[in-house]
Amino acid sequence: MDMMAMVSTMLAAQQGALQSNIAATLTKQNMDMEKSTVLTLLGAAQPSLANVGPGVGGNLNVTA
């Protein structure tokens, strides 16, 4: 094998490794986003206080 063929092979291997790393990163980000979406749809996220009356859910003063 001549020198250029070896260099080309090494560069191709590095490119393949880079593409695999990028694919793994994008897959993980996609899975995290899907998990967040499912949790939001199931209501497992923080409870919303949008439909409660004024003063509900605020801080409680226990110094008295």
N, C-alpha and C. Protein backbone atom coordinates (compact mmCIF):
# COMPACT_ATOMS: atom_id res chain seq x y z
N MET A 1 0.86 -1.18 0.00
CA MET A 1 0.00 0.00 0.00
C MET A 1 0.90 1.24 0.00
N ASP A 2 0.64 2.13 -0.92
CA ASP A 2 1.46 3.33 -0.96
C ASP A 2 1.01 4.34 0.09
N MET A 3 1.77 5.37 0.24
CA MET A 3 1.55 6.35 1.30
C MET A 3 0.21 7.09 1.15
N MET A 4 -0.16 7.47 -0.07
CA MET A 4 -1.41 8.20 -0.27
C MET A 4 -2.62 7.34 0.06
N ALA A 5 -2.54 6.06 -0.25
CA ALA A 5 -3.65 5.16 0.07
C ALA A 5 -3.80 5.04 1.57
N MET A 6 -2.70 4.98 2.30
CA MET A 6 -2.76 4.89 3.76
C MET A 6 -3.34 6.17 4.36
N VAL A 7 -2.90 7.31 3.83
CA VAL A 7 -3.42 8.59 4.32
C VAL A 7 -4.91 8.70 4.03
N SER A 8 -5.33 8.31 2.85
CA SER A 8 -6.75 8.35 2.48
C SER A 8 -7.57 7.44 3.38
N THR A 9 -7.02 6.27 3.69
CA THR A 9 -7.73 5.34 4.57
C THR A 9 -7.88 5.91 5.97
N MET A 10 -6.80 6.53 6.48
CA MET A 10 -6.87 7.13 7.82
C MET A 10 -7.86 8.29 7.86
N LEU A 11 -7.87 9.12 6.83
CA LEU A 11 -8.81 10.23 6.78
C LEU A 11 -10.25 9.73 6.69
N ALA A 12 -10.48 8.69 5.93
CA ALA A 12 -11.82 8.13 5.82
C ALA A 12 -12.28 7.56 7.16
N ALA A 13 -11.37 6.92 7.88
CA ALA A 13 -11.72 6.37 9.19
C ALA A 13 -12.05 7.49 10.18
N GLN A 14 -11.28 8.57 10.14
CA GLN A 14 -11.58 9.71 11.02
C GLN A 14 -12.92 10.33 10.67
N GLN A 15 -13.21 10.45 9.40
CA GLN A 15 -14.50 11.01 8.97
C GLN A 15 -15.65 10.12 9.43
N GLY A 16 -15.48 8.82 9.32
CA GLY A 16 -16.51 7.90 9.77
C GLY A 16 -16.75 8.00 11.27
N ALA A 17 -15.67 8.14 12.03
CA ALA A 17 -15.81 8.28 13.48
C ALA A 17 -16.52 9.58 13.83
N LEU A 18 -16.19 10.65 13.12
CA LEU A 18 -16.85 11.94 13.36
C LEU A 18 -18.34 11.85 13.06
N GLN A 19 -18.69 11.21 11.95
CA GLN A 19 -20.11 11.06 11.60
C GLN A 19 -20.85 10.22 12.64
N SER A 20 -20.20 9.20 13.16
CA SER A 20 -20.82 8.37 14.19
C SER A 20 -21.05 9.17 15.47
N ASN A 21 -20.09 9.99 15.84
CA ASN A 21 -20.25 10.83 17.04
C ASN A 21 -21.38 11.83 16.87
N ILE A 22 -21.46 12.44 15.71
CA ILE A 22 -22.53 13.40 15.45
C ILE A 22 -23.89 12.70 15.49
N ALA A 23 -23.97 11.53 14.88
CA ALA A 23 -25.23 10.79 14.87
C ALA A 23 -25.65 10.40 16.29
N ALA A 24 -24.70 9.99 17.11
CA ALA A 24 -25.02 9.62 18.50
C ALA A 24 -25.50 10.84 19.28
N THR A 25 -24.86 11.97 19.08
CA THR A 25 -25.26 13.20 19.78
C THR A 25 -26.67 13.62 19.37
N LEU A 26 -26.95 13.60 18.08
CA LEU A 26 -28.27 14.00 17.61
C LEU A 26 -29.35 13.03 18.08
N THR A 27 -29.03 11.74 18.12
CA THR A 27 -29.99 10.75 18.60
C THR A 27 -30.31 10.98 20.06
N LYS A 28 -29.28 11.27 20.88
CA LYS A 28 -29.51 11.52 22.30
C LYS A 28 -30.35 12.77 22.50
N GLN A 29 -30.05 13.83 21.76
CA GLN A 29 -30.84 15.05 21.88
C GLN A 29 -32.29 14.80 21.47
N ASN A 30 -32.49 14.03 20.43
CA ASN A 30 -33.85 13.72 19.99
C ASN A 30 -34.60 12.92 21.04
N MET A 31 -33.92 11.95 21.65
CA MET A 31 -34.55 11.13 22.69
C MET A 31 -34.90 11.98 23.91
N ASP A 32 -34.01 12.92 24.27
CA ASP A 32 -34.30 13.80 25.39
C ASP A 32 -35.51 14.68 25.10
N MET A 33 -35.61 15.16 23.88
CA MET A 33 -36.74 16.00 23.50
C MET A 33 -38.04 15.19 23.52
N GLU A 34 -37.98 13.96 23.02
CA GLU A 34 -39.16 13.10 23.04
C GLU A 34 -39.60 12.81 24.48
N LYS A 35 -38.64 12.57 25.35
CA LYS A 35 -38.96 12.31 26.76
C LYS A 35 -39.65 13.53 27.37
N SER A 36 -39.11 14.70 27.09
CA SER A 36 -39.71 15.93 27.61
C SER A 36 -41.13 16.11 27.08
N THR A 37 -41.34 15.81 25.83
CA THR A 37 -42.67 15.94 25.23
C THR A 37 -43.66 14.99 25.89
N VAL A 38 -43.24 13.75 26.09
CA VAL A 38 -44.12 12.76 26.73
C VAL A 38 -44.45 13.18 28.15
N LEU A 39 -43.45 13.64 28.90
CA LEU A 39 -43.70 14.07 30.27
C LEU A 39 -44.65 15.26 30.31
N THR A 40 -44.51 16.16 29.36
CA THR A 40 -45.42 17.30 29.30
C THR A 40 -46.84 16.84 29.00
N LEU A 41 -46.98 15.93 28.04
CA LEU A 41 -48.32 15.45 27.68
C LEU A 41 -48.96 14.65 28.81
N LEU A 42 -48.15 13.94 29.58
CA LEU A 42 -48.69 13.16 30.70
C LEU A 42 -48.93 14.01 31.95
N GLY A 43 -48.47 15.24 31.92
CA GLY A 43 -48.66 16.11 33.06
C GLY A 43 -47.68 15.85 34.19
N ALA A 44 -46.57 15.22 33.90
CA ALA A 44 -45.58 14.92 34.93
C ALA A 44 -44.67 16.11 35.19
N ALA A 45 -44.82 17.13 34.42
CA ALA A 45 -44.01 18.33 34.64
C ALA A 45 -44.53 19.07 35.87
N GLN A 46 -43.97 20.20 36.16
CA GLN A 46 -44.42 20.96 37.32
C GLN A 46 -45.89 21.31 37.16
N PRO A 47 -46.65 21.20 38.24
CA PRO A 47 -48.07 21.53 38.13
C PRO A 47 -48.29 23.01 37.83
N SER A 48 -49.28 23.25 37.02
CA SER A 48 -49.58 24.63 36.63
C SER A 48 -50.52 25.26 37.64
N LEU A 49 -50.27 26.50 37.97
CA LEU A 49 -51.14 27.26 38.88
C LEU A 49 -51.97 28.27 38.09
N ALA A 50 -52.18 28.01 36.80
CA ALA A 50 -52.87 28.96 35.94
C ALA A 50 -54.36 29.05 36.26
N ASN A 51 -54.97 27.98 36.75
CA ASN A 51 -56.42 27.96 36.94
C ASN A 51 -56.84 28.03 38.40
N VAL A 52 -55.98 28.51 39.27
CA VAL A 52 -56.34 28.61 40.69
C VAL A 52 -56.58 30.07 41.04
N GLY A 53 -57.20 30.26 42.18
CA GLY A 53 -57.52 31.61 42.61
C GLY A 53 -56.30 32.38 43.05
N PRO A 54 -56.47 33.70 43.24
CA PRO A 54 -55.35 34.53 43.68
C PRO A 54 -54.90 34.12 45.09
N GLY A 55 -53.62 34.10 45.31
CA GLY A 55 -53.06 33.77 46.61
C GLY A 55 -52.80 32.28 46.81
N VAL A 56 -53.33 31.44 45.96
CA VAL A 56 -53.10 30.00 46.08
C VAL A 56 -51.76 29.65 45.47
N GLY A 57 -50.96 28.91 46.20
CA GLY A 57 -49.67 28.49 45.71
C GLY A 57 -48.56 29.47 46.01
N GLY A 58 -48.85 30.53 46.70
CA GLY A 58 -47.82 31.50 47.06
C GLY A 58 -47.01 31.01 48.25
N ASN A 59 -46.10 31.84 48.69
CA ASN A 59 -45.28 31.50 49.85
C ASN A 59 -46.10 31.61 51.14
N LEU A 60 -45.83 30.76 52.08
CA LEU A 60 -46.54 30.73 53.35
C LEU A 60 -45.67 31.39 54.42
N ASN A 61 -46.22 32.35 55.12
CA ASN A 61 -45.48 33.04 56.18
C ASN A 61 -45.73 32.30 57.49
N VAL A 62 -44.70 31.63 58.03
CA VAL A 62 -44.87 30.85 59.26
C VAL A 62 -44.15 31.49 60.43
N THR A 63 -43.93 32.80 60.40
CA THR A 63 -43.23 33.46 61.50
C THR A 63 -44.16 33.78 62.65
N ALA A 64 -45.46 33.69 62.49
CA ALA A 64 -46.41 34.07 63.54
C ALA A 64 -46.43 33.06 64.65
